[in-house]
Amino acid sequence: MPERTVTPDQTPAPAPTSTQQQPPPSPPEWAGAAERIERIEAMLDEAGPAAVELVKELLALYGEGLARILALAGEAVAVEVAADELVSPLLLLHDLHPLDTRTRAEAAVAGLGGEIVSVADGLVRVRVRSSGCRTSATAEVEQAIRAVAPEVDRVEIEPDERPLIPLDTLTIRRGPVTR
C-alpha cells in the first residue's frame, strides 16, 4: 500500500500515482531484509502451527496480489519492476519473476568474466575467465548467481582455458609481392 504523507494541517496528501516517478529505496530502507527474515523464521520456530499456517496464508494472499498486479501492468512493466533490488526477491519468492533463470544468471555474471554454458535441472554451468585469483573469481560468480537465482541447486564452475586471441588469426598471410 502506498505511503501517505501528512501535511502541516494534518490532511493526508494523496498517494503518488503510477505516473509519478518514485526514486528507488535508499539502502537503509531495505538493507535489513535478511535480518528481518531471520527474525521471522526464529519467531515461527517458537510459534505454534497456527502461526505458521497464518504466515502461509498471508504469503499466498500477497503472491496472488502480486500476480494480478503484474498481469495488469504488462510484460514491459513487469521486467522493469523486477529489476528493483527489493522487488526482485519478492517476485522470486512467489515464482512470478518475468525473467527466466538463464537470463538472470547471464546478467549476474556479465561483468565478472563469466559465461553461462548451460542451465538445466537446477544446475548452472559457468565458464569463468579469471584475470587474478581464480578462487575469488569463482566464489564471486557463484554468489552472484545464487543471489539472482535461488532456485538453482548447484553451480559448477569451469575455467575458461581458451586463448585470448585465436591462433588462426595470428598466421602470416602473404599477399602479392610488390617491387
C-alpha atoms as a PDB file:
ATOM      1  CA  MET A   1       0.000   0.000   0.000  1.00  0.00           C
ATOM      2  CA  PRO A   2       1.486   3.418  -0.908  1.00  0.00           C
ATOM      3  CA  GLU A   3       2.525   5.609   1.980  1.00  0.00           C
ATOM      4  CA  ARG A   4       0.537   8.738   2.559  1.00  0.00           C
ATOM      5  CA  THR A   5       2.202  11.885   3.789  1.00  0.00           C
ATOM      6  CA  VAL A   6       0.641  14.280   6.261  1.00  0.00           C
ATOM      7  CA  THR A   7       0.682  17.998   5.565  1.00  0.00           C
ATOM      8  CA  PRO A   8       1.086  20.584   8.367  1.00  0.00           C
ATOM      9  CA  ASP A   9      -2.704  20.909   8.654  1.00  0.00           C
ATOM     10  CA  GLN A  10      -2.847  17.096   9.233  1.00  0.00           C
ATOM     11  CA  THR A  11      -4.692  16.476   5.969  1.00  0.00           C
ATOM     12  CA  PRO A  12      -3.324  13.336   4.311  1.00  0.00           C
ATOM     13  CA  ALA A  13      -1.733  14.060   0.968  1.00  0.00           C
ATOM     14  CA  PRO A  14      -2.789  11.757  -1.868  1.00  0.00           C
ATOM     15  CA  ALA A  15      -0.633   8.737  -2.501  1.00  0.00           C
ATOM     16  CA  PRO A  16       1.679   9.054  -5.514  1.00  0.00           C
ATOM     17  CA  THR A  17       0.160   7.850  -8.752  1.00  0.00           C
ATOM     18  CA  SER A  18       1.821   5.356 -11.045  1.00  0.00           C
ATOM     19  CA  THR A  19       2.705   8.134 -13.485  1.00  0.00           C
ATOM     20  CA  GLN A  20       4.832   9.922 -10.882  1.00  0.00           C
ATOM     21  CA  GLN A  21       8.430   8.743 -10.787  1.00  0.00           C
ATOM     22  CA  GLN A  22       9.478   7.488  -7.367  1.00  0.00           C
ATOM     23  CA  PRO A  23      13.167   7.169  -6.561  1.00  0.00           C
ATOM     24  CA  PRO A  24      14.378   3.677  -5.699  1.00  0.00           C
ATOM     25  CA  PRO A  25      14.523   2.971  -1.969  1.00  0.00           C
ATOM     26  CA  SER A  26      17.663   4.058  -0.217  1.00  0.00           C
ATOM     27  CA  PRO A  27      19.750   1.305   1.372  1.00  0.00           C
ATOM     28  CA  PRO A  28      18.557   1.869   4.977  1.00  0.00           C
ATOM     29  CA  GLU A  29      15.008   1.058   3.889  1.00  0.00           C
ATOM     30  CA  TRP A  30      15.825  -2.441   2.622  1.00  0.00           C
ATOM     31  CA  ALA A  31      19.286  -3.320   3.902  1.00  0.00           C
ATOM     32  CA  GLY A  32      17.864  -5.158   6.936  1.00  0.00           C
ATOM     33  CA  ALA A  33      15.691  -7.520   4.885  1.00  0.00           C
ATOM     34  CA  ALA A  34      17.875 -10.577   5.580  1.00  0.00           C
ATOM     35  CA  GLU A  35      17.880  -9.855   9.302  1.00  0.00           C
ATOM     36  CA  ARG A  36      14.104  -9.404   9.260  1.00  0.00           C
ATOM     37  CA  ILE A  37      13.636 -12.744   7.535  1.00  0.00           C
ATOM     38  CA  GLU A  38      15.891 -14.444  10.092  1.00  0.00           C
ATOM     39  CA  ARG A  39      13.873 -12.877  12.937  1.00  0.00           C
ATOM     40  CA  ILE A  40      10.599 -14.031  11.377  1.00  0.00           C
ATOM     41  CA  GLU A  41      11.942 -17.559  10.909  1.00  0.00           C
ATOM     42  CA  ALA A  42      13.085 -17.648  14.553  1.00  0.00           C
ATOM     43  CA  MET A  43       9.671 -16.452  15.728  1.00  0.00           C
ATOM     44  CA  LEU A  44       7.939 -19.077  13.602  1.00  0.00           C
ATOM     45  CA  ASP A  45      10.156 -21.772  15.120  1.00  0.00           C
ATOM     46  CA  GLU A  46       8.892 -20.703  18.551  1.00  0.00           C
ATOM     47  CA  ALA A  47       5.278 -20.180  17.471  1.00  0.00           C
ATOM     48  CA  GLY A  48       2.732 -22.904  17.135  1.00  0.00           C
ATOM     49  CA  PRO A  49       1.319 -24.452  13.966  1.00  0.00           C
ATOM     50  CA  ALA A  50      -1.480 -21.871  13.814  1.00  0.00           C
ATOM     51  CA  ALA A  51       1.049 -19.049  13.393  1.00  0.00           C
ATOM     52  CA  VAL A  52       2.865 -20.946  10.657  1.00  0.00           C
ATOM     53  CA  GLU A  53      -0.436 -21.523   8.859  1.00  0.00           C
ATOM     54  CA  LEU A  54      -1.267 -17.810   9.189  1.00  0.00           C
ATOM     55  CA  VAL A  55       2.033 -16.826   7.565  1.00  0.00           C
ATOM     56  CA  LYS A  56       1.468 -19.324   4.732  1.00  0.00           C
ATOM     57  CA  GLU A  57      -1.981 -17.868   4.071  1.00  0.00           C
ATOM     58  CA  LEU A  58      -0.628 -14.297   4.095  1.00  0.00           C
ATOM     59  CA  LEU A  59       2.136 -15.249   1.675  1.00  0.00           C
ATOM     60  CA  ALA A  60      -0.401 -16.888  -0.629  1.00  0.00           C
ATOM     61  CA  LEU A  61      -2.582 -13.762  -0.490  1.00  0.00           C
ATOM     62  CA  TYR A  62       0.330 -11.446  -1.255  1.00  0.00           C
ATOM     63  CA  GLY A  63       1.504 -13.757  -4.027  1.00  0.00           C
ATOM     64  CA  GLU A  64      -1.889 -13.694  -5.697  1.00  0.00           C
ATOM     65  CA  GLY A  65      -1.992  -9.903  -5.361  1.00  0.00           C
ATOM     66  CA  LEU A  66       1.440  -9.557  -6.956  1.00  0.00           C
ATOM     67  CA  ALA A  67       0.420 -11.894  -9.771  1.00  0.00           C
ATOM     68  CA  ARG A  68      -2.633  -9.777 -10.532  1.00  0.00           C
ATOM     69  CA  ILE A  69      -0.619  -6.539 -10.434  1.00  0.00           C
ATOM     70  CA  LEU A  70       1.929  -7.961 -12.877  1.00  0.00           C
ATOM     71  CA  ALA A  71      -0.815  -9.223 -15.179  1.00  0.00           C
ATOM     72  CA  LEU A  72      -2.419  -5.779 -15.255  1.00  0.00           C
ATOM     73  CA  ALA A  73       0.904  -3.981 -15.674  1.00  0.00           C
ATOM     74  CA  GLY A  74       2.038  -5.984 -18.695  1.00  0.00           C
ATOM     75  CA  GLU A  75       5.342  -7.602 -19.550  1.00  0.00           C
ATOM     76  CA  ALA A  76       7.422  -4.446 -20.088  1.00  0.00           C
ATOM     77  CA  VAL A  77       6.480  -3.004 -16.698  1.00  0.00           C
ATOM     78  CA  ALA A  78       6.937  -6.397 -15.026  1.00  0.00           C
ATOM     79  CA  VAL A  79      10.508  -6.607 -16.329  1.00  0.00           C
ATOM     80  CA  GLU A  80      11.217  -3.041 -15.190  1.00  0.00           C
ATOM     81  CA  VAL A  81       9.765  -3.687 -11.728  1.00  0.00           C
ATOM     82  CA  ALA A  82      11.692  -6.961 -11.453  1.00  0.00           C
ATOM     83  CA  ALA A  83      14.956  -5.028 -11.820  1.00  0.00           C
ATOM     84  CA  ASP A  84      14.363  -3.406  -8.428  1.00  0.00           C
ATOM     85  CA  GLU A  85      16.629  -4.865  -5.724  1.00  0.00           C
ATOM     86  CA  LEU A  86      13.799  -5.223  -3.220  1.00  0.00           C
ATOM     87  CA  VAL A  87      11.021  -6.333  -5.580  1.00  0.00           C
ATOM     88  CA  SER A  88      13.025  -8.977  -7.462  1.00  0.00           C
ATOM     89  CA  PRO A  89      13.363 -11.346  -4.461  1.00  0.00           C
ATOM     90  CA  LEU A  90       9.653 -10.962  -3.718  1.00  0.00           C
ATOM     91  CA  LEU A  91       8.810 -11.993  -7.269  1.00  0.00           C
ATOM     92  CA  LEU A  92      11.192 -14.944  -6.972  1.00  0.00           C
ATOM     93  CA  LEU A  93       9.580 -15.975  -3.677  1.00  0.00           C
ATOM     94  CA  HIS A  94       6.205 -16.198  -5.382  1.00  0.00           C
ATOM     95  CA  ASP A  95       7.590 -17.708  -8.619  1.00  0.00           C
ATOM     96  CA  LEU A  96       6.497 -14.620 -10.544  1.00  0.00           C
ATOM     97  CA  HIS A  97       9.803 -13.266 -11.863  1.00  0.00           C
ATOM     98  CA  PRO A  98       9.359 -12.399 -15.552  1.00  0.00           C
ATOM     99  CA  LEU A  99      12.934 -13.357 -16.477  1.00  0.00           C
ATOM    100  CA  ASP A 100      13.982 -16.987 -16.670  1.00  0.00           C
ATOM    101  CA  THR A 101      16.873 -18.449 -14.697  1.00  0.00           C
ATOM    102  CA  ARG A 102      19.339 -18.282 -17.586  1.00  0.00           C
ATOM    103  CA  THR A 103      18.629 -14.609 -18.331  1.00  0.00           C
ATOM    104  CA  ARG A 104      19.033 -13.638 -14.672  1.00  0.00           C
ATOM    105  CA  ALA A 105      22.234 -15.687 -14.333  1.00  0.00           C
ATOM    106  CA  GLU A 106      23.713 -14.192 -17.532  1.00  0.00           C
ATOM    107  CA  ALA A 107      23.060 -10.674 -16.254  1.00  0.00           C
ATOM    108  CA  ALA A 108      24.597 -11.526 -12.879  1.00  0.00           C
ATOM    109  CA  VAL A 109      27.894 -12.793 -14.320  1.00  0.00           C
ATOM    110  CA  ALA A 110      28.194 -10.382 -17.236  1.00  0.00           C
ATOM    111  CA  GLY A 111      30.742  -8.109 -15.585  1.00  0.00           C
ATOM    112  CA  LEU A 112      32.522 -10.861 -13.684  1.00  0.00           C
ATOM    113  CA  GLY A 113      34.179 -12.680 -16.564  1.00  0.00           C
ATOM    114  CA  GLY A 114      31.609 -15.463 -16.508  1.00  0.00           C
ATOM    115  CA  GLU A 115      29.785 -17.079 -19.388  1.00  0.00           C
ATOM    116  CA  ILE A 116      26.759 -19.311 -18.814  1.00  0.00           C
ATOM    117  CA  VAL A 117      27.343 -22.638 -20.554  1.00  0.00           C
ATOM    118  CA  SER A 118      24.074 -24.327 -19.606  1.00  0.00           C
ATOM    119  CA  VAL A 119      21.105 -24.170 -17.257  1.00  0.00           C
ATOM    120  CA  ALA A 120      19.106 -27.341 -16.639  1.00  0.00           C
ATOM    121  CA  ASP A 121      17.565 -29.319 -13.795  1.00  0.00           C
ATOM    122  CA  GLY A 122      18.690 -26.937 -11.056  1.00  0.00           C
ATOM    123  CA  LEU A 123      22.287 -26.860 -12.324  1.00  0.00           C
ATOM    124  CA  VAL A 124      24.045 -23.839 -13.797  1.00  0.00           C
ATOM    125  CA  ARG A 125      27.364 -24.428 -15.549  1.00  0.00           C
ATOM    126  CA  VAL A 126      29.560 -21.367 -15.896  1.00  0.00           C
ATOM    127  CA  ARG A 127      32.819 -20.818 -17.745  1.00  0.00           C
ATOM    128  CA  VAL A 128      34.968 -18.253 -15.924  1.00  0.00           C
ATOM    129  CA  ARG A 129      37.898 -16.347 -17.328  1.00  0.00           C
ATOM    130  CA  SER A 130      39.939 -15.310 -14.344  1.00  0.00           C
ATOM    131  CA  SER A 131      42.317 -12.403 -14.579  1.00  0.00           C
ATOM    132  CA  GLY A 132      43.514 -12.726 -10.986  1.00  0.00           C
ATOM    133  CA  CYS A 133      42.821 -15.100  -8.156  1.00  0.00           C
ATOM    134  CA  ARG A 134      40.741 -17.910  -9.633  1.00  0.00           C
ATOM    135  CA  THR A 135      39.274 -18.875  -6.224  1.00  0.00           C
ATOM    136  CA  SER A 136      37.858 -15.419  -5.516  1.00  0.00           C
ATOM    137  CA  ALA A 137      36.531 -15.077  -9.080  1.00  0.00           C
ATOM    138  CA  THR A 138      34.808 -18.457  -8.770  1.00  0.00           C
ATOM    139  CA  ALA A 139      33.259 -17.562  -5.414  1.00  0.00           C
ATOM    140  CA  GLU A 140      32.109 -14.183  -6.703  1.00  0.00           C
ATOM    141  CA  VAL A 141      30.446 -15.716  -9.771  1.00  0.00           C
ATOM    142  CA  GLU A 142      28.715 -18.407  -7.717  1.00  0.00           C
ATOM    143  CA  GLN A 143      27.483 -15.867  -5.163  1.00  0.00           C
ATOM    144  CA  ALA A 144      26.139 -13.609  -7.926  1.00  0.00           C
ATOM    145  CA  ILE A 145      24.190 -16.486  -9.494  1.00  0.00           C
ATOM    146  CA  ARG A 146      22.748 -17.647  -6.179  1.00  0.00           C
ATOM    147  CA  ALA A 147      21.619 -14.091  -5.391  1.00  0.00           C
ATOM    148  CA  VAL A 148      19.503 -13.818  -8.550  1.00  0.00           C
ATOM    149  CA  ALA A 149      18.500 -17.465  -8.925  1.00  0.00           C
ATOM    150  CA  PRO A 150      17.795 -19.043  -5.529  1.00  0.00           C
ATOM    151  CA  GLU A 151      16.018 -21.908  -7.280  1.00  0.00           C
ATOM    152  CA  VAL A 152      19.398 -23.184  -8.514  1.00  0.00           C
ATOM    153  CA  ASP A 153      20.612 -26.250  -6.593  1.00  0.00           C
ATOM    154  CA  ARG A 154      24.195 -26.328  -7.898  1.00  0.00           C
ATOM    155  CA  VAL A 155      26.619 -24.039  -9.661  1.00  0.00           C
ATOM    156  CA  GLU A 156      29.528 -25.698 -11.459  1.00  0.00           C
ATOM    157  CA  ILE A 157      32.415 -23.500 -12.482  1.00  0.00           C
ATOM    158  CA  GLU A 158      34.810 -24.487 -15.237  1.00  0.00           C
ATOM    159  CA  PRO A 159      37.891 -22.454 -16.077  1.00  0.00           C
ATOM    160  CA  ASP A 160      37.988 -20.812 -19.469  1.00  0.00           C
ATOM    161  CA  GLU A 161      41.228 -22.071 -20.968  1.00  0.00           C
ATOM    162  CA  ARG A 162      40.594 -20.685 -24.432  1.00  0.00           C
ATOM    163  CA  PRO A 163      43.340 -18.377 -25.671  1.00  0.00           C
ATOM    164  CA  LEU A 164      42.540 -14.684 -25.636  1.00  0.00           C
ATOM    165  CA  ILE A 165      43.484 -14.380 -29.291  1.00  0.00           C
ATOM    166  CA  PRO A 166      42.532 -17.301 -31.525  1.00  0.00           C
ATOM    167  CA  LEU A 167      45.654 -18.850 -33.004  1.00  0.00           C
ATOM    168  CA  ASP A 168      44.297 -18.921 -36.543  1.00  0.00           C
ATOM    169  CA  THR A 169      44.207 -15.109 -36.532  1.00  0.00           C
ATOM    170  CA  LEU A 170      47.945 -14.971 -35.886  1.00  0.00           C
ATOM    171  CA  THR A 171      49.051 -16.694 -39.083  1.00  0.00           C
ATOM    172  CA  ILE A 172      51.046 -14.728 -41.592  1.00  0.00           C
ATOM    173  CA  ARG A 173      49.192 -14.130 -44.786  1.00  0.00           C
ATOM    174  CA  ARG A 174      51.325 -13.491 -47.762  1.00  0.00           C
ATOM    175  CA  GLY A 175      49.997 -11.106 -50.254  1.00  0.00           C
ATOM    176  CA  PRO A 176      51.251 -10.291 -53.705  1.00  0.00           C
ATOM    177  CA  VAL A 177      54.857  -9.218 -53.776  1.00  0.00           C
ATOM    178  CA  THR A 178      55.273  -5.661 -54.998  1.00  0.00           C
ATOM    179  CA  ARG A 179      58.561  -4.306 -56.335  1.00  0.00           C
END
